[in-house]
Amino acid sequence: MNDLGEQDAELWTRCVDGDADALGLLFDRHSDAVFRYCLSRTGSWHEAEELVSVTFLEAWRQRRTLTLQRDSLLPWLLGVATNAARNRARSTRRYEQFLGRLPHAPFVQDHSTAADERIDTERQVQELLYGTIALTDGERDVLLLCVMNGYSYEETATSLGIRVGTVRSRANRAKKKLRSAAPHLLAGTAENPTILESRLS
């Protein structure tokens, strides 16, 4: 049998039976997509990597209680990542308040090309996240999944456990708020719309 050719449902059945190798194959298949989504949520390469680990650990923990509703495990993984990111954000705020009262060692910049690329990516994502501060959690979830990660309304609805109509309405509200609070994120022309403008239209 060619494991790489197995469907998610078949691999998940093996996970339920305790086959950790099957989870490894699912990780190989979906971890990049989960990482991109987590990076778009956090703006931090390191935090995104940690959230990927948390997401797949949770998948293993819930293997005996989860029944796949679709052919792919990815929508469920994105939903787990969403919840994990929200929980981490709350914990991080408390942790940062604590760290703010402690002395800090000087930061030594890593000037390698890979580090520079990561820093540039983080800066771009953080700029977008800052621009969406006026959005509710639900609106931001839709924005990050649909716009920054390119998932359809249907896939986003499955990931978040909500109706497609709710995804559409949240996307429309997000667009209106961004026009008011962060118009530069939507600035463009009819001929050359921004990514946000084109995917939210």
N, C-alpha and C. Protein backbone atom coordinates (compact mmCIF):
# COMPACT_ATOMS: atom_id res chain seq x y z
N MET A 1 0.84 -1.20 0.00
CA MET A 1 0.00 0.00 0.00
C MET A 1 0.88 1.24 0.00
N ASN A 2 0.54 2.26 -0.82
CA ASN A 2 1.28 3.51 -0.88
C ASN A 2 0.65 4.49 0.09
N ASP A 3 1.29 4.73 1.25
CA ASP A 3 0.72 5.59 2.27
C ASP A 3 0.49 7.00 1.77
N LEU A 4 1.40 7.49 0.88
CA LEU A 4 1.26 8.86 0.40
C LEU A 4 0.01 9.02 -0.44
N GLY A 5 -0.53 7.91 -0.95
CA GLY A 5 -1.73 8.00 -1.77
C GLY A 5 -3.00 7.84 -0.97
N GLU A 6 -2.90 7.59 0.31
CA GLU A 6 -4.10 7.40 1.12
C GLU A 6 -4.83 8.71 1.33
N GLN A 7 -6.16 8.61 1.39
CA GLN A 7 -6.97 9.78 1.69
C GLN A 7 -6.88 10.11 3.17
N ASP A 8 -7.26 11.37 3.51
CA ASP A 8 -7.21 11.77 4.91
C ASP A 8 -8.05 10.86 5.79
N ALA A 9 -9.22 10.47 5.30
CA ALA A 9 -10.10 9.63 6.11
C ALA A 9 -9.44 8.30 6.44
N GLU A 10 -8.70 7.73 5.48
CA GLU A 10 -8.02 6.46 5.72
C GLU A 10 -6.89 6.63 6.74
N LEU A 11 -6.16 7.71 6.58
CA LEU A 11 -5.07 7.98 7.53
C LEU A 11 -5.63 8.26 8.93
N TRP A 12 -6.76 8.96 8.97
CA TRP A 12 -7.36 9.26 10.26
C TRP A 12 -7.83 7.98 10.96
N THR A 13 -8.35 7.05 10.19
CA THR A 13 -8.76 5.77 10.76
C THR A 13 -7.56 5.07 11.39
N ARG A 14 -6.41 5.17 10.74
CA ARG A 14 -5.20 4.60 11.32
C ARG A 14 -4.79 5.32 12.60
N CYS A 15 -4.99 6.66 12.61
CA CYS A 15 -4.69 7.43 13.83
C CYS A 15 -5.56 6.96 14.99
N VAL A 16 -6.84 6.77 14.70
CA VAL A 16 -7.77 6.32 15.74
C VAL A 16 -7.29 5.01 16.35
N ASP A 17 -6.68 4.17 15.52
CA ASP A 17 -6.16 2.88 15.99
C ASP A 17 -4.80 3.02 16.68
N GLY A 18 -4.31 4.26 16.81
CA GLY A 18 -3.06 4.49 17.51
C GLY A 18 -1.82 4.51 16.65
N ASP A 19 -1.98 4.64 15.33
CA ASP A 19 -0.85 4.64 14.42
C ASP A 19 -0.27 6.06 14.31
N ALA A 20 0.82 6.33 15.02
CA ALA A 20 1.43 7.66 15.01
C ALA A 20 2.03 8.00 13.65
N ASP A 21 2.45 6.97 12.88
CA ASP A 21 3.00 7.23 11.55
C ASP A 21 1.95 7.87 10.64
N ALA A 22 0.69 7.49 10.82
CA ALA A 22 -0.38 8.07 10.02
C ALA A 22 -0.54 9.55 10.33
N LEU A 23 -0.40 9.92 11.62
CA LEU A 23 -0.45 11.34 11.98
C LEU A 23 0.73 12.07 11.34
N GLY A 24 1.89 11.41 11.28
CA GLY A 24 3.04 12.01 10.64
C GLY A 24 2.78 12.30 9.17
N LEU A 25 2.09 11.41 8.49
CA LEU A 25 1.76 11.64 7.08
C LEU A 25 0.78 12.79 6.94
N LEU A 26 -0.19 12.88 7.86
CA LEU A 26 -1.12 14.00 7.84
C LEU A 26 -0.40 15.32 8.13
N PHE A 27 0.58 15.25 9.02
CA PHE A 27 1.39 16.44 9.32
C PHE A 27 2.13 16.89 8.06
N ASP A 28 2.77 15.94 7.37
CA ASP A 28 3.49 16.27 6.14
C ASP A 28 2.56 16.89 5.11
N ARG A 29 1.33 16.44 5.09
CA ARG A 29 0.37 16.88 4.08
C ARG A 29 -0.18 18.27 4.39
N HIS A 30 -0.42 18.59 5.66
CA HIS A 30 -1.16 19.81 6.00
C HIS A 30 -0.41 20.83 6.85
N SER A 31 0.77 20.50 7.34
CA SER A 31 1.44 21.41 8.27
C SER A 31 1.80 22.75 7.63
N ASP A 32 2.17 22.76 6.35
CA ASP A 32 2.51 24.02 5.70
C ASP A 32 1.31 24.96 5.65
N ALA A 33 0.14 24.42 5.32
CA ALA A 33 -1.06 25.26 5.26
C ALA A 33 -1.42 25.78 6.65
N VAL A 34 -1.31 24.91 7.66
CA VAL A 34 -1.60 25.34 9.04
C VAL A 34 -0.60 26.40 9.47
N PHE A 35 0.68 26.22 9.11
CA PHE A 35 1.70 27.20 9.47
C PHE A 35 1.41 28.57 8.84
N ARG A 36 1.07 28.59 7.56
CA ARG A 36 0.79 29.86 6.90
C ARG A 36 -0.36 30.58 7.58
N TYR A 37 -1.39 29.82 7.95
CA TYR A 37 -2.53 30.43 8.63
C TYR A 37 -2.12 30.96 10.00
N CYS A 38 -1.36 30.18 10.75
CA CYS A 38 -0.93 30.62 12.08
C CYS A 38 -0.03 31.84 11.99
N LEU A 39 0.83 31.90 10.97
CA LEU A 39 1.68 33.07 10.78
C LEU A 39 0.84 34.30 10.48
N SER A 40 -0.20 34.12 9.68
CA SER A 40 -1.06 35.25 9.36
C SER A 40 -1.83 35.74 10.58
N ARG A 41 -2.05 34.87 11.55
CA ARG A 41 -2.76 35.26 12.77
C ARG A 41 -1.84 35.95 13.77
N THR A 42 -0.59 35.49 13.86
CA THR A 42 0.29 35.95 14.93
C THR A 42 1.32 36.98 14.49
N GLY A 43 1.72 36.93 13.23
CA GLY A 43 2.80 37.79 12.77
C GLY A 43 4.14 37.37 13.32
N SER A 44 4.22 36.18 13.89
CA SER A 44 5.47 35.69 14.49
C SER A 44 5.77 34.29 13.98
N TRP A 45 6.96 34.14 13.39
CA TRP A 45 7.38 32.84 12.86
C TRP A 45 7.42 31.81 13.98
N HIS A 46 8.02 32.19 15.10
CA HIS A 46 8.18 31.27 16.22
C HIS A 46 6.83 30.85 16.79
N GLU A 47 5.94 31.80 17.00
CA GLU A 47 4.63 31.46 17.55
C GLU A 47 3.84 30.59 16.58
N ALA A 48 3.99 30.86 15.29
CA ALA A 48 3.28 30.04 14.30
C ALA A 48 3.76 28.59 14.36
N GLU A 49 5.07 28.40 14.49
CA GLU A 49 5.59 27.03 14.58
C GLU A 49 5.06 26.33 15.82
N GLU A 50 4.99 27.06 16.94
CA GLU A 50 4.47 26.46 18.18
C GLU A 50 3.00 26.11 18.03
N LEU A 51 2.23 26.96 17.36
CA LEU A 51 0.81 26.70 17.19
C LEU A 51 0.56 25.48 16.29
N VAL A 52 1.43 25.28 15.31
CA VAL A 52 1.32 24.08 14.48
C VAL A 52 1.48 22.84 15.35
N SER A 53 2.46 22.86 16.23
CA SER A 53 2.68 21.72 17.13
C SER A 53 1.47 21.50 18.02
N VAL A 54 0.94 22.58 18.58
CA VAL A 54 -0.24 22.48 19.44
C VAL A 54 -1.42 21.89 18.67
N THR A 55 -1.59 22.33 17.43
CA THR A 55 -2.72 21.88 16.61
C THR A 55 -2.66 20.38 16.36
N PHE A 56 -1.49 19.86 16.00
CA PHE A 56 -1.39 18.44 15.70
C PHE A 56 -1.38 17.59 16.97
N LEU A 57 -0.88 18.14 18.06
CA LEU A 57 -0.99 17.42 19.33
C LEU A 57 -2.45 17.29 19.74
N GLU A 58 -3.22 18.36 19.50
CA GLU A 58 -4.65 18.30 19.81
C GLU A 58 -5.36 17.30 18.91
N ALA A 59 -4.93 17.22 17.65
CA ALA A 59 -5.51 16.23 16.74
C ALA A 59 -5.28 14.82 17.28
N TRP A 60 -4.07 14.55 17.73
CA TRP A 60 -3.78 13.24 18.30
C TRP A 60 -4.58 12.99 19.57
N ARG A 61 -4.72 14.01 20.41
CA ARG A 61 -5.47 13.88 21.66
C ARG A 61 -6.94 13.58 21.40
N GLN A 62 -7.48 14.14 20.33
CA GLN A 62 -8.91 13.98 20.05
C GLN A 62 -9.20 12.88 19.03
N ARG A 63 -8.20 12.06 18.72
CA ARG A 63 -8.36 11.10 17.63
C ARG A 63 -9.50 10.11 17.85
N ARG A 64 -9.82 9.80 19.10
CA ARG A 64 -10.87 8.81 19.36
C ARG A 64 -12.26 9.43 19.46
N THR A 65 -12.31 10.78 19.45
CA THR A 65 -13.62 11.44 19.57
C THR A 65 -14.04 12.18 18.30
N LEU A 66 -13.08 12.42 17.40
CA LEU A 66 -13.39 13.17 16.19
C LEU A 66 -13.74 12.25 15.03
N THR A 67 -14.87 12.52 14.39
CA THR A 67 -15.26 11.84 13.17
C THR A 67 -15.20 12.85 12.03
N LEU A 68 -14.40 12.58 11.01
CA LEU A 68 -14.27 13.53 9.90
C LEU A 68 -15.60 13.72 9.19
N GLN A 69 -15.94 14.97 8.95
CA GLN A 69 -17.18 15.30 8.24
C GLN A 69 -16.92 15.57 6.76
N ARG A 70 -15.65 15.76 6.40
CA ARG A 70 -15.29 16.04 5.02
C ARG A 70 -14.12 15.13 4.62
N ASP A 71 -13.76 15.18 3.34
CA ASP A 71 -12.67 14.32 2.86
C ASP A 71 -11.32 14.75 3.41
N SER A 72 -11.20 16.03 3.78
CA SER A 72 -9.92 16.55 4.24
C SER A 72 -9.96 16.88 5.72
N LEU A 73 -8.86 16.62 6.41
CA LEU A 73 -8.74 16.98 7.82
C LEU A 73 -8.42 18.46 7.99
N LEU A 74 -7.98 19.13 6.92
CA LEU A 74 -7.49 20.51 7.02
C LEU A 74 -8.49 21.49 7.61
N PRO A 75 -9.76 21.51 7.19
CA PRO A 75 -10.68 22.49 7.79
C PRO A 75 -10.77 22.35 9.31
N TRP A 76 -10.79 21.12 9.80
CA TRP A 76 -10.84 20.92 11.25
C TRP A 76 -9.56 21.41 11.90
N LEU A 77 -8.40 21.14 11.27
CA LEU A 77 -7.13 21.59 11.81
C LEU A 77 -7.09 23.12 11.90
N LEU A 78 -7.62 23.80 10.89
CA LEU A 78 -7.65 25.26 10.91
C LEU A 78 -8.53 25.78 12.03
N GLY A 79 -9.62 25.07 12.31
CA GLY A 79 -10.48 25.45 13.42
C GLY A 79 -9.76 25.30 14.75
N VAL A 80 -9.01 24.20 14.91
CA VAL A 80 -8.23 23.99 16.13
C VAL A 80 -7.17 25.09 16.26
N ALA A 81 -6.52 25.42 15.16
CA ALA A 81 -5.50 26.47 15.18
C ALA A 81 -6.10 27.82 15.57
N THR A 82 -7.31 28.08 15.10
CA THR A 82 -7.99 29.34 15.46
C THR A 82 -8.19 29.44 16.96
N ASN A 83 -8.71 28.38 17.55
CA ASN A 83 -8.93 28.38 19.00
C ASN A 83 -7.62 28.46 19.77
N ALA A 84 -6.61 27.74 19.30
CA ALA A 84 -5.31 27.76 19.97
C ALA A 84 -4.69 29.15 19.92
N ALA A 85 -4.84 29.81 18.77
CA ALA A 85 -4.28 31.16 18.63
C ALA A 85 -4.98 32.15 19.56
N ARG A 86 -6.29 32.02 19.67
CA ARG A 86 -7.03 32.90 20.58
C ARG A 86 -6.59 32.68 22.02
N ASN A 87 -6.47 31.44 22.43
CA ASN A 87 -6.04 31.14 23.79
C ASN A 87 -4.63 31.65 24.05
N ARG A 88 -3.75 31.47 23.07
CA ARG A 88 -2.36 31.92 23.22
C ARG A 88 -2.31 33.44 23.31
N ALA A 89 -3.15 34.13 22.55
CA ALA A 89 -3.14 35.59 22.59
C ALA A 89 -3.50 36.10 23.97
N ARG A 90 -4.49 35.46 24.60
CA ARG A 90 -4.87 35.88 25.95
C ARG A 90 -3.74 35.60 26.94
N SER A 91 -3.11 34.43 26.81
CA SER A 91 -2.01 34.09 27.71
C SER A 91 -0.81 35.00 27.48
N THR A 92 -0.56 35.32 26.21
CA THR A 92 0.58 36.17 25.88
C THR A 92 0.44 37.55 26.47
N ARG A 93 -0.78 38.11 26.45
CA ARG A 93 -0.98 39.43 27.03
C ARG A 93 -0.62 39.43 28.51
N ARG A 94 -1.04 38.40 29.23
CA ARG A 94 -0.70 38.32 30.65
C ARG A 94 0.79 38.13 30.85
N TYR A 95 1.40 37.31 30.00
CA TYR A 95 2.83 37.03 30.10
C TYR A 95 3.65 38.29 29.81
N GLU A 96 3.24 39.06 28.80
CA GLU A 96 3.97 40.27 28.44
C GLU A 96 3.88 41.32 29.55
N GLN A 97 2.73 41.37 30.22
CA GLN A 97 2.61 42.29 31.35
C GLN A 97 3.61 41.93 32.44
N PHE A 98 3.78 40.63 32.65
CA PHE A 98 4.75 40.17 33.64
C PHE A 98 6.18 40.50 33.20
N LEU A 99 6.49 40.18 31.93
CA LEU A 99 7.84 40.42 31.43
C LEU A 99 8.19 41.91 31.43
N GLY A 100 7.17 42.75 31.26
CA GLY A 100 7.40 44.18 31.23
C GLY A 100 7.98 44.71 32.52
N ARG A 101 7.84 43.96 33.59
CA ARG A 101 8.35 44.40 34.89
C ARG A 101 9.75 43.84 35.17
N LEU A 102 10.30 43.07 34.20
CA LEU A 102 11.61 42.45 34.40
C LEU A 102 12.67 43.13 33.52
N PRO A 103 13.94 43.13 33.97
CA PRO A 103 15.01 43.66 33.11
C PRO A 103 15.25 42.74 31.93
N HIS A 104 15.65 43.30 30.81
CA HIS A 104 15.84 42.50 29.59
C HIS A 104 17.30 42.51 29.17
N ALA A 105 17.75 41.38 28.66
CA ALA A 105 19.09 41.30 28.07
C ALA A 105 19.05 41.95 26.69
N PRO A 106 20.14 42.55 26.24
CA PRO A 106 20.14 43.19 24.91
C PRO A 106 19.90 42.16 23.82
N PHE A 107 19.14 42.56 22.81
CA PHE A 107 18.80 41.67 21.69
C PHE A 107 19.92 41.72 20.65
N VAL A 108 20.44 40.56 20.26
CA VAL A 108 21.49 40.47 19.25
C VAL A 108 20.86 40.06 17.93
N GLN A 109 20.92 40.93 16.96
CA GLN A 109 20.29 40.69 15.67
C GLN A 109 21.00 39.60 14.88
N ASP A 110 20.23 38.65 14.34
CA ASP A 110 20.76 37.63 13.44
C ASP A 110 20.66 38.18 12.02
N HIS A 111 21.81 38.37 11.34
CA HIS A 111 21.79 39.02 10.03
C HIS A 111 21.80 38.02 8.88
N SER A 112 21.48 36.78 9.13
CA SER A 112 21.44 35.81 8.04
C SER A 112 20.29 36.16 7.10
N THR A 113 20.40 35.72 5.86
CA THR A 113 19.36 36.00 4.86
C THR A 113 18.02 35.43 5.29
N ALA A 114 18.02 34.21 5.81
CA ALA A 114 16.77 33.58 6.24
C ALA A 114 16.13 34.40 7.36
N ALA A 115 16.95 34.88 8.30
CA ALA A 115 16.40 35.68 9.40
C ALA A 115 15.81 36.98 8.88
N ASP A 116 16.50 37.63 7.93
CA ASP A 116 16.00 38.88 7.35
C ASP A 116 14.66 38.66 6.66
N GLU A 117 14.55 37.54 5.94
CA GLU A 117 13.30 37.24 5.26
C GLU A 117 12.17 37.01 6.25
N ARG A 118 12.47 36.32 7.33
CA ARG A 118 11.45 36.07 8.35
C ARG A 118 10.99 37.38 8.98
N ILE A 119 11.97 38.24 9.29
CA ILE A 119 11.63 39.52 9.92
C ILE A 119 10.78 40.36 8.98
N ASP A 120 11.10 40.35 7.70
CA ASP A 120 10.32 41.11 6.73
C ASP A 120 8.91 40.57 6.62
N THR A 121 8.79 39.24 6.59
CA THR A 121 7.45 38.63 6.54
C THR A 121 6.65 38.97 7.78
N GLU A 122 7.28 38.86 8.94
CA GLU A 122 6.59 39.19 10.19
C GLU A 122 6.13 40.65 10.19
N ARG A 123 6.98 41.55 9.69
CA ARG A 123 6.63 42.97 9.68
C ARG A 123 5.40 43.22 8.82
N GLN A 124 5.34 42.58 7.65
CA GLN A 124 4.20 42.77 6.76
C GLN A 124 2.91 42.24 7.39
N VAL A 125 3.00 41.06 8.01
CA VAL A 125 1.82 40.48 8.62
C VAL A 125 1.38 41.32 9.82
N GLN A 126 2.33 41.78 10.62
CA GLN A 126 1.99 42.60 11.78
C GLN A 126 1.33 43.91 11.37
N GLU A 127 1.77 44.47 10.25
CA GLU A 127 1.15 45.70 9.75
C GLU A 127 -0.31 45.46 9.39
N LEU A 128 -0.56 44.32 8.75
CA LEU A 128 -1.95 44.00 8.41
C LEU A 128 -2.77 43.74 9.66
N LEU A 129 -2.22 43.00 10.61
CA LEU A 129 -2.96 42.71 11.83
C LEU A 129 -3.27 43.99 12.59
N TYR A 130 -2.33 44.92 12.61
CA TYR A 130 -2.57 46.20 13.29
C TYR A 130 -3.70 46.95 12.61
N GLY A 131 -3.75 46.85 11.29
CA GLY A 131 -4.80 47.54 10.55
C GLY A 131 -6.18 46.95 10.77
N THR A 132 -6.24 45.72 11.29
CA THR A 132 -7.54 45.06 11.49
C THR A 132 -7.98 45.09 12.95
N ILE A 133 -7.38 45.97 13.74
CA ILE A 133 -7.66 45.99 15.17
C ILE A 133 -9.11 46.34 15.48
N ALA A 134 -9.78 47.03 14.56
CA ALA A 134 -11.17 47.43 14.79
C ALA A 134 -12.15 46.28 14.55
N LEU A 135 -11.68 45.16 14.04
CA LEU A 135 -12.57 44.05 13.72
C LEU A 135 -12.84 43.21 14.96
N THR A 136 -14.00 42.55 14.97
CA THR A 136 -14.28 41.58 16.02
C THR A 136 -13.46 40.33 15.77
N ASP A 137 -13.39 39.44 16.77
CA ASP A 137 -12.65 38.18 16.58
C ASP A 137 -13.20 37.41 15.39
N GLY A 138 -14.54 37.34 15.29
CA GLY A 138 -15.15 36.58 14.20
C GLY A 138 -14.85 37.17 12.84
N GLU A 139 -14.87 38.50 12.74
CA GLU A 139 -14.55 39.15 11.47
C GLU A 139 -13.08 38.94 11.11
N ARG A 140 -12.22 38.99 12.11
CA ARG A 140 -10.79 38.79 11.84
C ARG A 140 -10.52 37.35 11.41
N ASP A 141 -11.20 36.40 12.03
CA ASP A 141 -11.03 34.99 11.64
C ASP A 141 -11.35 34.82 10.16
N VAL A 142 -12.47 35.40 9.73
CA VAL A 142 -12.89 35.29 8.32
C VAL A 142 -11.88 35.98 7.42
N LEU A 143 -11.44 37.17 7.82
CA LEU A 143 -10.47 37.91 7.02
C LEU A 143 -9.19 37.11 6.83
N LEU A 144 -8.68 36.51 7.90
CA LEU A 144 -7.42 35.79 7.82
C LEU A 144 -7.53 34.51 7.00
N LEU A 145 -8.64 33.80 7.16
CA LEU A 145 -8.81 32.57 6.39
C LEU A 145 -9.10 32.85 4.92
N CYS A 146 -10.04 33.73 4.65
CA CYS A 146 -10.46 33.99 3.26
C CYS A 146 -9.45 34.82 2.50
N VAL A 147 -8.99 35.89 3.14
CA VAL A 147 -8.17 36.86 2.42
C VAL A 147 -6.69 36.51 2.44
N MET A 148 -6.13 36.34 3.63
CA MET A 148 -4.69 36.12 3.71
C MET A 148 -4.29 34.71 3.34
N ASN A 149 -5.22 33.75 3.48
CA ASN A 149 -4.87 32.36 3.19
C ASN A 149 -5.62 31.78 2.00
N GLY A 150 -6.57 32.54 1.45
CA GLY A 150 -7.20 32.15 0.20
C GLY A 150 -8.21 31.02 0.26
N TYR A 151 -8.76 30.74 1.46
CA TYR A 151 -9.76 29.68 1.55
C TYR A 151 -11.13 30.21 1.12
N SER A 152 -11.94 29.33 0.55
CA SER A 152 -13.27 29.73 0.10
C SER A 152 -14.18 29.99 1.29
N TYR A 153 -15.31 30.62 1.03
CA TYR A 153 -16.29 30.85 2.08
C TYR A 153 -16.75 29.51 2.68
N GLU A 154 -16.91 28.51 1.81
CA GLU A 154 -17.37 27.21 2.28
C GLU A 154 -16.32 26.56 3.19
N GLU A 155 -15.05 26.61 2.80
CA GLU A 155 -13.98 26.04 3.62
C GLU A 155 -13.84 26.79 4.94
N THR A 156 -13.99 28.10 4.87
CA THR A 156 -13.90 28.92 6.08
C THR A 156 -15.05 28.59 7.03
N ALA A 157 -16.24 28.42 6.49
CA ALA A 157 -17.40 28.07 7.31
C ALA A 157 -17.18 26.74 8.02
N THR A 158 -16.63 25.77 7.31
CA THR A 158 -16.35 24.46 7.90
C THR A 158 -15.31 24.58 9.01
N SER A 159 -14.26 25.34 8.77
CA SER A 159 -13.19 25.49 9.75
C SER A 159 -13.68 26.15 11.03
N LEU A 160 -14.54 27.15 10.90
CA LEU A 160 -15.00 27.91 12.06
C LEU A 160 -16.29 27.38 12.66
N GLY A 161 -16.90 26.40 11.99
CA GLY A 161 -18.15 25.83 12.50
C GLY A 161 -19.31 26.78 12.43
N ILE A 162 -19.37 27.59 11.36
CA ILE A 162 -20.46 28.55 11.18
C ILE A 162 -21.04 28.39 9.78
N ARG A 163 -22.14 29.10 9.52
CA ARG A 163 -22.79 29.02 8.22
C ARG A 163 -22.04 29.85 7.18
N VAL A 164 -22.20 29.45 5.91
CA VAL A 164 -21.57 30.20 4.82
C VAL A 164 -22.09 31.63 4.80
N GLY A 165 -23.39 31.79 5.05
CA GLY A 165 -23.97 33.14 5.07
C GLY A 165 -23.33 34.01 6.14
N THR A 166 -22.98 33.41 7.28
CA THR A 166 -22.32 34.16 8.34
C THR A 166 -20.93 34.58 7.90
N VAL A 167 -20.23 33.71 7.19
CA VAL A 167 -18.91 34.07 6.66
C VAL A 167 -19.04 35.27 5.72
N ARG A 168 -20.03 35.23 4.83
CA ARG A 168 -20.22 36.33 3.88
C ARG A 168 -20.52 37.64 4.59
N SER A 169 -21.40 37.59 5.58
CA SER A 169 -21.77 38.82 6.28
C SER A 169 -20.59 39.37 7.07
N ARG A 170 -19.79 38.48 7.68
CA ARG A 170 -18.62 38.95 8.42
C ARG A 170 -17.58 39.55 7.48
N ALA A 171 -17.43 38.95 6.30
CA ALA A 171 -16.49 39.49 5.32
C ALA A 171 -16.93 40.88 4.87
N ASN A 172 -18.23 41.06 4.66
CA ASN A 172 -18.75 42.37 4.26
C ASN A 172 -18.55 43.41 5.36
N ARG A 173 -18.81 43.01 6.62
CA ARG A 173 -18.61 43.95 7.73
C ARG A 173 -17.13 44.30 7.87
N ALA A 174 -16.27 43.31 7.69
CA ALA A 174 -14.83 43.56 7.79
C ALA A 174 -14.40 44.57 6.73
N LYS A 175 -14.92 44.41 5.53
CA LYS A 175 -14.57 45.32 4.44
C LYS A 175 -15.01 46.74 4.76
N LYS A 176 -16.22 46.91 5.28
CA LYS A 176 -16.71 48.25 5.62
C LYS A 176 -15.87 48.88 6.71
N LYS A 177 -15.51 48.10 7.73
CA LYS A 177 -14.71 48.63 8.83
C LYS A 177 -13.31 49.01 8.34
N LEU A 178 -12.74 48.19 7.47
CA LEU A 178 -11.41 48.50 6.96
C LEU A 178 -11.41 49.76 6.11
N ARG A 179 -12.49 49.98 5.37
CA ARG A 179 -12.58 51.20 4.57
C ARG A 179 -12.54 52.44 5.46
N SER A 180 -13.09 52.29 6.67
CA SER A 180 -13.14 53.42 7.60
C SER A 180 -11.87 53.52 8.44
N ALA A 181 -11.43 52.37 9.01
CA ALA A 181 -10.33 52.40 9.97
C ALA A 181 -8.95 52.26 9.33
N ALA A 182 -8.86 51.51 8.24
CA ALA A 182 -7.56 51.27 7.61
C ALA A 182 -7.70 51.28 6.09
N PRO A 183 -8.07 52.42 5.50
CA PRO A 183 -8.33 52.46 4.05
C PRO A 183 -7.10 52.10 3.22
N HIS A 184 -5.88 52.27 3.78
CA HIS A 184 -4.68 51.95 3.00
C HIS A 184 -4.59 50.46 2.67
N LEU A 185 -5.25 49.63 3.50
CA LEU A 185 -5.22 48.19 3.23
C LEU A 185 -6.09 47.81 2.04
N LEU A 186 -7.04 48.68 1.73
CA LEU A 186 -7.94 48.41 0.62
C LEU A 186 -7.68 49.34 -0.56
N ALA A 187 -6.70 50.23 -0.42
CA ALA A 187 -6.44 51.21 -1.46
C ALA A 187 -6.03 50.53 -2.75
N GLY A 188 -6.69 50.91 -3.82
CA GLY A 188 -6.38 50.33 -5.13
C GLY A 188 -7.33 50.92 -6.15
N THR A 189 -7.27 50.44 -7.36
CA THR A 189 -8.17 50.90 -8.40
C THR A 189 -8.99 49.73 -8.89
N ALA A 190 -9.97 50.02 -9.71
CA ALA A 190 -10.80 48.96 -10.27
C ALA A 190 -9.95 48.03 -11.12
N GLU A 191 -8.92 48.62 -11.78
CA GLU A 191 -8.05 47.80 -12.64
C GLU A 191 -7.02 47.03 -11.81
N ASN A 192 -6.57 47.63 -10.70
CA ASN A 192 -5.52 47.01 -9.88
C ASN A 192 -5.91 47.02 -8.41
N PRO A 193 -6.88 46.20 -8.04
CA PRO A 193 -7.28 46.15 -6.64
C PRO A 193 -6.21 45.49 -5.78
N THR A 194 -6.22 45.81 -4.50
CA THR A 194 -5.32 45.11 -3.58
C THR A 194 -5.83 43.69 -3.39
N ILE A 195 -4.99 42.84 -2.75
CA ILE A 195 -5.42 41.47 -2.46
C ILE A 195 -6.66 41.50 -1.58
N LEU A 196 -6.66 42.37 -0.58
CA LEU A 196 -7.81 42.46 0.32
C LEU A 196 -9.05 42.84 -0.46
N GLU A 197 -8.92 43.86 -1.30
CA GLU A 197 -10.08 44.35 -2.05
C GLU A 197 -10.64 43.27 -2.96
N SER A 198 -9.75 42.58 -3.69
CA SER A 198 -10.22 41.60 -4.67
C SER A 198 -10.86 40.39 -4.00
N ARG A 199 -10.31 39.94 -2.88
CA ARG A 199 -10.84 38.73 -2.23
C ARG A 199 -12.06 39.01 -1.37
N LEU A 200 -12.23 40.27 -0.94
CA LEU A 200 -13.40 40.60 -0.13
C LEU A 200 -14.56 41.10 -0.97
N SER A 201 -14.32 41.32 -2.27
CA SER A 201 -15.39 41.85 -3.11
C SER A 201 -16.35 40.77 -3.53
